[in-house]
PDB file of all heavy atoms in Angstrom:
ATOM      1  N   ASN A   1      66.375 148.774  98.376  1.00  0.00           N
ATOM      2  CA  ASN A   1      65.399 147.692  98.464  1.00  0.00           C
ATOM      3  C   ASN A   1      64.285 148.098  99.419  1.00  0.00           C
ATOM      4  O   ASN A   1      64.524 148.385 100.590  1.00  0.00           O
ATOM      5  CB  ASN A   1      66.086 146.412  98.948  1.00  0.00           C
ATOM      6  CG  ASN A   1      65.164 145.208  98.896  1.00  0.00           C
ATOM      7  OD1 ASN A   1      64.128 145.182  99.538  1.00  0.00           O
ATOM      8  ND2 ASN A   1      65.567 144.198  98.133  1.00  0.00           N
ATOM      9  N   LYS A   2      63.050 148.122  98.948  1.00  0.00           N
ATOM     10  CA  LYS A   2      61.933 148.585  99.757  1.00  0.00           C
ATOM     11  C   LYS A   2      61.631 147.661 100.931  1.00  0.00           C
ATOM     12  O   LYS A   2      61.100 148.088 101.949  1.00  0.00           O
ATOM     13  CB  LYS A   2      60.667 148.700  98.892  1.00  0.00           C
ATOM     14  CG  LYS A   2      60.660 149.898  97.997  1.00  0.00           C
ATOM     15  CD  LYS A   2      59.614 149.907  96.909  1.00  0.00           C
ATOM     16  CE  LYS A   2      58.392 149.105  97.114  1.00  0.00           C
ATOM     17  NZ  LYS A   2      57.472 149.194  95.956  1.00  0.00           N
ATOM     18  N   HIS A   3      61.970 146.390 100.797  1.00  0.00           N
ATOM     19  CA  HIS A   3      61.604 145.415 101.822  1.00  0.00           C
ATOM     20  C   HIS A   3      62.632 145.339 102.946  1.00  0.00           C
ATOM     21  O   HIS A   3      62.276 145.064 104.089  1.00  0.00           O
ATOM     22  CB  HIS A   3      61.431 144.037 101.175  1.00  0.00           C
ATOM     23  CG  HIS A   3      60.579 144.069  99.939  1.00  0.00           C
ATOM     24  ND1 HIS A   3      59.239 144.372  99.973  1.00  0.00           N
ATOM     25  CD2 HIS A   3      60.885 143.863  98.628  1.00  0.00           C
ATOM     26  CE1 HIS A   3      58.744 144.340  98.739  1.00  0.00           C
ATOM     27  NE2 HIS A   3      59.729 144.043  97.901  1.00  0.00           N
ATOM     28  N   THR A   4      63.896 145.611 102.613  1.00  0.00           N
ATOM     29  CA  THR A   4      64.961 145.487 103.612  1.00  0.00           C
ATOM     30  C   THR A   4      65.590 146.821 103.995  1.00  0.00           C
ATOM     31  O   THR A   4      66.263 146.909 105.033  1.00  0.00           O
ATOM     32  CB  THR A   4      66.074 144.568 103.090  1.00  0.00           C
ATOM     33  OG1 THR A   4      66.712 145.195 101.954  1.00  0.00           O
ATOM     34  CG2 THR A   4      65.516 143.216 102.675  1.00  0.00           C
ATOM     35  N   GLY A   5      65.404 147.848 103.181  1.00  0.00           N
ATOM     36  CA  GLY A   5      66.063 149.128 103.421  1.00  0.00           C
ATOM     37  C   GLY A   5      67.523 149.132 103.017  1.00  0.00           C
ATOM     38  O   GLY A   5      68.238 150.101 103.271  1.00  0.00           O
ATOM     39  N   THR A   6      67.987 148.082 102.364  1.00  0.00           N
ATOM     40  CA  THR A   6      69.389 147.969 101.957  1.00  0.00           C
ATOM     41  C   THR A   6      69.657 148.834 100.728  1.00  0.00           C
ATOM     42  O   THR A   6      68.914 148.779  99.738  1.00  0.00           O
ATOM     43  CB  THR A   6      69.751 146.509 101.636  1.00  0.00           C
ATOM     44  OG1 THR A   6      69.450 145.694 102.776  1.00  0.00           O
ATOM     45  CG2 THR A   6      71.219 146.382 101.287  1.00  0.00           C
ATOM     46  N   VAL A   7      70.715 149.614 100.792  1.00  0.00           N
ATOM     47  CA  VAL A   7      71.129 150.428  99.650  1.00  0.00           C
ATOM     48  C   VAL A   7      72.096 149.610  98.801  1.00  0.00           C
ATOM     49  O   VAL A   7      73.070 149.050  99.312  1.00  0.00           O
ATOM     50  CB  VAL A   7      71.809 151.729 100.110  1.00  0.00           C
ATOM     51  CG1 VAL A   7      72.185 152.588  98.911  1.00  0.00           C
ATOM     52  CG2 VAL A   7      70.898 152.501 101.050  1.00  0.00           C
ATOM     53  N   SER A   8      71.845 149.531  97.511  1.00  0.00           N
ATOM     54  CA  SER A   8      72.729 148.784  96.624  1.00  0.00           C
ATOM     55  C   SER A   8      74.134 149.381  96.656  1.00  0.00           C
ATOM     56  O   SER A   8      74.290 150.611  96.592  1.00  0.00           O
ATOM     57  CB  SER A   8      72.197 148.804  95.190  1.00  0.00           C
ATOM     58  OG  SER A   8      73.146 148.260  94.287  1.00  0.00           O
ATOM     59  N   PRO A   9      75.184 148.541  96.756  1.00  0.00           N
ATOM     60  CA  PRO A   9      76.548 149.077  96.716  1.00  0.00           C
ATOM     61  C   PRO A   9      76.942 149.602  95.336  1.00  0.00           C
ATOM     62  O   PRO A   9      77.934 150.323  95.203  1.00  0.00           O
ATOM     63  CB  PRO A   9      77.399 147.870  97.105  1.00  0.00           C
ATOM     64  CG  PRO A   9      76.582 146.683  96.688  1.00  0.00           C
ATOM     65  CD  PRO A   9      75.158 147.081  96.911  1.00  0.00           C
ATOM     66  N   VAL A  10      76.154 149.251  94.329  1.00  0.00           N
ATOM     67  CA  VAL A  10      76.449 149.691  92.968  1.00  0.00           C
ATOM     68  C   VAL A  10      75.942 151.114  92.764  1.00  0.00           C
ATOM     69  O   VAL A  10      74.786 151.422  93.056  1.00  0.00           O
ATOM     70  CB  VAL A  10      75.806 148.754  91.930  1.00  0.00           C
ATOM     71  CG1 VAL A  10      76.116 149.239  90.505  1.00  0.00           C
ATOM     72  CG2 VAL A  10      76.268 147.322  92.125  1.00  0.00           C
ATOM     73  N   LYS A  11      76.818 151.969  92.275  1.00  0.00           N
ATOM     74  CA  LYS A  11      76.424 153.321  91.899  1.00  0.00           C
ATOM     75  C   LYS A  11      76.267 153.366  90.381  1.00  0.00           C
ATOM     76  O   LYS A  11      77.203 153.071  89.643  1.00  0.00           O
ATOM     77  CB  LYS A  11      77.461 154.341  92.364  1.00  0.00           C
ATOM     78  CG  LYS A  11      77.454 154.567  93.873  1.00  0.00           C
ATOM     79  CD  LYS A  11      78.426 155.664  94.276  1.00  0.00           C
ATOM     80  CE  LYS A  11      78.355 155.918  95.771  1.00  0.00           C
ATOM     81  NZ  LYS A  11      79.304 156.965  96.210  1.00  0.00           N
ATOM     82  N   TYR A  12      75.078 153.719  89.961  1.00  0.00           N
ATOM     83  CA  TYR A  12      74.785 153.823  88.541  1.00  0.00           C
ATOM     84  C   TYR A  12      74.967 155.286  88.142  1.00  0.00           C
ATOM     85  O   TYR A  12      74.256 156.170  88.632  1.00  0.00           O
ATOM     86  CB  TYR A  12      73.365 153.344  88.262  1.00  0.00           C
ATOM     87  CG  TYR A  12      73.123 151.908  88.679  1.00  0.00           C
ATOM     88  CD1 TYR A  12      72.715 151.597  89.972  1.00  0.00           C
ATOM     89  CD2 TYR A  12      73.316 150.859  87.782  1.00  0.00           C
ATOM     90  CE1 TYR A  12      72.498 150.279  90.365  1.00  0.00           C
ATOM     91  CE2 TYR A  12      73.103 149.547  88.155  1.00  0.00           C
ATOM     92  CZ  TYR A  12      72.698 149.268  89.452  1.00  0.00           C
ATOM     93  OH  TYR A  12      72.495 147.955  89.831  1.00  0.00           O
ATOM     94  N   LEU A  13      75.942 155.540  87.295  1.00  0.00           N
ATOM     95  CA  LEU A  13      76.305 156.904  86.920  1.00  0.00           C
ATOM     96  C   LEU A  13      75.742 157.257  85.554  1.00  0.00           C
ATOM     97  O   LEU A  13      75.533 156.392  84.695  1.00  0.00           O
ATOM     98  CB  LEU A  13      77.829 157.050  86.891  1.00  0.00           C
ATOM     99  CG  LEU A  13      78.600 156.602  88.144  1.00  0.00           C
ATOM    100  CD1 LEU A  13      80.094 156.711  87.912  1.00  0.00           C
ATOM    101  CD2 LEU A  13      78.181 157.427  89.355  1.00  0.00           C
ATOM    102  N   ALA A  14      75.493 158.546  85.364  1.00  0.00           N
ATOM    103  CA  ALA A  14      75.081 159.074  84.063  1.00  0.00           C
ATOM    104  C   ALA A  14      75.656 160.471  83.933  1.00  0.00           C
ATOM    105  O   ALA A  14      76.087 161.078  84.917  1.00  0.00           O
ATOM    106  CB  ALA A  14      73.567 159.093  83.938  1.00  0.00           C
ATOM    107  N   LYS A  15      75.660 160.991  82.724  1.00  0.00           N
ATOM    108  CA  LYS A  15      76.175 162.344  82.534  1.00  0.00           C
ATOM    109  C   LYS A  15      75.287 163.336  83.289  1.00  0.00           C
ATOM    110  O   LYS A  15      74.152 163.008  83.675  1.00  0.00           O
ATOM    111  CB  LYS A  15      76.237 162.681  81.045  1.00  0.00           C
ATOM    112  CG  LYS A  15      74.894 162.858  80.368  1.00  0.00           C
ATOM    113  CD  LYS A  15      75.062 163.256  78.911  1.00  0.00           C
ATOM    114  CE  LYS A  15      73.710 163.571  78.265  1.00  0.00           C
ATOM    115  NZ  LYS A  15      73.847 164.018  76.865  1.00  0.00           N
ATOM    116  N   PRO A  16      75.769 164.543  83.533  1.00  0.00           N
ATOM    117  CA  PRO A  16      74.977 165.522  84.292  1.00  0.00           C
ATOM    118  C   PRO A  16      73.609 165.766  83.658  1.00  0.00           C
ATOM    119  O   PRO A  16      73.496 165.980  82.450  1.00  0.00           O
ATOM    120  CB  PRO A  16      75.835 166.784  84.251  1.00  0.00           C
ATOM    121  CG  PRO A  16      77.222 166.304  84.001  1.00  0.00           C
ATOM    122  CD  PRO A  16      77.092 165.085  83.141  1.00  0.00           C
ATOM    123  N   LEU A  17      72.577 165.703  84.472  1.00  0.00           N
ATOM    124  CA  LEU A  17      71.224 165.996  84.009  1.00  0.00           C
ATOM    125  C   LEU A  17      70.437 166.609  85.150  1.00  0.00           C
ATOM    126  O   LEU A  17      70.837 166.543  86.319  1.00  0.00           O
ATOM    127  CB  LEU A  17      70.527 164.739  83.475  1.00  0.00           C
ATOM    128  CG  LEU A  17      70.288 163.555  84.416  1.00  0.00           C
ATOM    129  CD1 LEU A  17      69.073 163.740  85.320  1.00  0.00           C
ATOM    130  CD2 LEU A  17      70.114 162.273  83.620  1.00  0.00           C
ATOM    131  N   ALA A  18      69.322 167.211  84.798  1.00  0.00           N
ATOM    132  CA  ALA A  18      68.409 167.771  85.792  1.00  0.00           C
ATOM    133  C   ALA A  18      67.030 167.191  85.561  1.00  0.00           C
ATOM    134  O   ALA A  18      66.558 167.121  84.419  1.00  0.00           O
ATOM    135  CB  ALA A  18      68.362 169.298  85.676  1.00  0.00           C
ATOM    136  N   THR A  19      66.388 166.743  86.620  1.00  0.00           N
ATOM    137  CA  THR A  19      65.055 166.152  86.497  1.00  0.00           C
ATOM    138  C   THR A  19      64.168 166.619  87.637  1.00  0.00           C
ATOM    139  O   THR A  19      64.610 166.713  88.788  1.00  0.00           O
ATOM    140  CB  THR A  19      65.135 164.609  86.474  1.00  0.00           C
ATOM    141  OG1 THR A  19      63.804 164.067  86.400  1.00  0.00           O
ATOM    142  CG2 THR A  19      65.826 164.054  87.713  1.00  0.00           C
ATOM    143  N   PHE A  20      62.943 166.930  87.302  1.00  0.00           N
ATOM    144  CA  PHE A  20      61.923 167.228  88.309  1.00  0.00           C
ATOM    145  C   PHE A  20      61.018 166.026  88.530  1.00  0.00           C
ATOM    146  O   PHE A  20      60.724 165.659  89.657  1.00  0.00           O
ATOM    147  CB  PHE A  20      61.067 168.426  87.867  1.00  0.00           C
ATOM    148  CG  PHE A  20      61.709 169.757  88.098  1.00  0.00           C
ATOM    149  CD1 PHE A  20      62.341 170.431  87.063  1.00  0.00           C
ATOM    150  CD2 PHE A  20      61.667 170.350  89.344  1.00  0.00           C
ATOM    151  CE1 PHE A  20      62.927 171.659  87.272  1.00  0.00           C
ATOM    152  CE2 PHE A  20      62.250 171.590  89.560  1.00  0.00           C
ATOM    153  CZ  PHE A  20      62.881 172.247  88.526  1.00  0.00           C
ATOM    154  N   HIS A  21      60.551 165.422  87.412  1.00  0.00           N
ATOM    155  CA  HIS A  21      59.515 164.396  87.524  1.00  0.00           C
ATOM    156  C   HIS A  21      59.920 163.113  86.798  1.00  0.00           C
ATOM    157  O   HIS A  21      60.406 163.159  85.670  1.00  0.00           O
ATOM    158  CB  HIS A  21      58.203 164.906  86.927  1.00  0.00           C
ATOM    159  CG  HIS A  21      57.694 166.152  87.580  1.00  0.00           C
ATOM    160  ND1 HIS A  21      57.767 167.399  86.998  1.00  0.00           N
ATOM    161  CD2 HIS A  21      57.120 166.349  88.793  1.00  0.00           C
ATOM    162  CE1 HIS A  21      57.255 168.298  87.804  1.00  0.00           C
ATOM    163  NE2 HIS A  21      56.857 167.695  88.903  1.00  0.00           N
ATOM    164  N   GLN A  22      59.691 161.992  87.475  1.00  0.00           N
ATOM    165  CA  GLN A  22      59.854 160.693  86.847  1.00  0.00           C
ATOM    166  C   GLN A  22      58.502 160.242  86.304  1.00  0.00           C
ATOM    167  O   GLN A  22      57.453 160.605  86.833  1.00  0.00           O
ATOM    168  CB  GLN A  22      60.401 159.672  87.846  1.00  0.00           C
ATOM    169  CG  GLN A  22      61.869 159.893  88.203  1.00  0.00           C
ATOM    170  CD  GLN A  22      62.077 161.105  89.093  1.00  0.00           C
ATOM    171  OE1 GLN A  22      61.482 161.201  90.154  1.00  0.00           O
ATOM    172  NE2 GLN A  22      62.908 162.037  88.663  1.00  0.00           N
ATOM    173  N   ILE A  23      58.543 159.447  85.250  1.00  0.00           N
ATOM    174  CA  ILE A  23      57.311 158.986  84.611  1.00  0.00           C
ATOM    175  C   ILE A  23      56.863 157.661  85.219  1.00  0.00           C
ATOM    176  O   ILE A  23      55.735 157.511  85.672  1.00  0.00           O
ATOM    177  CB  ILE A  23      57.516 158.831  83.085  1.00  0.00           C
ATOM    178  CG1 ILE A  23      58.021 160.147  82.485  1.00  0.00           C
ATOM    179  CG2 ILE A  23      56.220 158.393  82.410  1.00  0.00           C
ATOM    180  CD1 ILE A  23      58.534 160.022  81.056  1.00  0.00           C
ATOM    181  N   ASN A  24      57.785 156.680  85.248  1.00  0.00           N
ATOM    182  CA  ASN A  24      57.465 155.352  85.788  1.00  0.00           C
ATOM    183  C   ASN A  24      58.766 154.574  85.925  1.00  0.00           C
ATOM    184  O   ASN A  24      59.811 154.971  85.383  1.00  0.00           O
ATOM    185  CB  ASN A  24      56.496 154.615  84.851  1.00  0.00           C
ATOM    186  CG  ASN A  24      55.782 153.459  85.532  1.00  0.00           C
ATOM    187  OD1 ASN A  24      55.905 153.274  86.742  1.00  0.00           O
ATOM    188  ND2 ASN A  24      55.037 152.676  84.768  1.00  0.00           N
ATOM    189  N   ALA A  25      58.719 153.468  86.653  1.00  0.00           N
ATOM    190  CA  ALA A  25      59.858 152.560  86.777  1.00  0.00           C
ATOM    191  C   ALA A  25      59.319 151.152  86.952  1.00  0.00           C
ATOM    192  O   ALA A  25      58.304 150.946  87.624  1.00  0.00           O
ATOM    193  CB  ALA A  25      60.752 152.955  87.958  1.00  0.00           C
ATOM    194  N   PHE A  26      60.008 150.181  86.348  1.00  0.00           N
ATOM    195  CA  PHE A  26      59.562 148.787  86.479  1.00  0.00           C
ATOM    196  C   PHE A  26      60.742 147.845  86.270  1.00  0.00           C
ATOM    197  O   PHE A  26      61.765 148.217  85.691  1.00  0.00           O
ATOM    198  CB  PHE A  26      58.435 148.466  85.490  1.00  0.00           C
ATOM    199  CG  PHE A  26      58.790 148.665  84.033  1.00  0.00           C
ATOM    200  CD1 PHE A  26      59.343 147.634  83.277  1.00  0.00           C
ATOM    201  CD2 PHE A  26      58.571 149.888  83.407  1.00  0.00           C
ATOM    202  CE1 PHE A  26      59.669 147.812  81.943  1.00  0.00           C
ATOM    203  CE2 PHE A  26      58.891 150.083  82.074  1.00  0.00           C
ATOM    204  CZ  PHE A  26      59.445 149.040  81.335  1.00  0.00           C
ATOM    205  N   GLU A  27      60.587 146.643  86.796  1.00  0.00           N
ATOM    206  CA  GLU A  27      61.631 145.621  86.696  1.00  0.00           C
ATOM    207  C   GLU A  27      61.228 144.577  85.665  1.00  0.00           C
ATOM    208  O   GLU A  27      60.064 144.176  85.600  1.00  0.00           O
ATOM    209  CB  GLU A  27      61.835 144.948  88.059  1.00  0.00           C
ATOM    210  CG  GLU A  27      62.239 145.916  89.157  1.00  0.00           C
ATOM    211  CD  GLU A  27      61.902 145.391  90.538  1.00  0.00           C
ATOM    212  OE1 GLU A  27      62.170 144.197  90.806  1.00  0.00           O
ATOM    213  OE2 GLU A  27      61.357 146.160  91.352  1.00  0.00           O
ATOM    214  N   GLU A  28      62.221 144.137  84.883  1.00  0.00           N
ATOM    215  CA  GLU A  28      61.951 143.138  83.853  1.00  0.00           C
ATOM    216  C   GLU A  28      63.257 142.455  83.463  1.00  0.00           C
ATOM    217  O   GLU A  28      64.227 143.122  83.094  1.00  0.00           O
ATOM    218  CB  GLU A  28      61.310 143.829  82.630  1.00  0.00           C
ATOM    219  CG  GLU A  28      60.642 142.901  81.651  1.00  0.00           C
ATOM    220  CD  GLU A  28      59.874 143.674  80.587  1.00  0.00           C
ATOM    221  OE1 GLU A  28      60.512 144.344  79.761  1.00  0.00           O
ATOM    222  OE2 GLU A  28      58.631 143.618  80.614  1.00  0.00           O
ATOM    223  N   ASP A  29      63.310 141.135  83.597  1.00  0.00           N
ATOM    224  CA  ASP A  29      64.476 140.345  83.175  1.00  0.00           C
ATOM    225  C   ASP A  29      65.774 140.841  83.819  1.00  0.00           C
ATOM    226  O   ASP A  29      66.774 141.089  83.134  1.00  0.00           O
ATOM    227  CB  ASP A  29      64.609 140.370  81.640  1.00  0.00           C
ATOM    228  CG  ASP A  29      63.400 139.777  80.938  1.00  0.00           C
ATOM    229  OD1 ASP A  29      62.795 138.853  81.501  1.00  0.00           O
ATOM    230  OD2 ASP A  29      63.051 140.255  79.856  1.00  0.00           O
TER     231      ASP A  29
END
């Protein structure tokens, strides 16, 4: 959370991947 610095206790897992660049991120519903 950018406003509080709190790290979510939920870990969101995905299969192994490699990434250099993100395109965008947004919140909705």
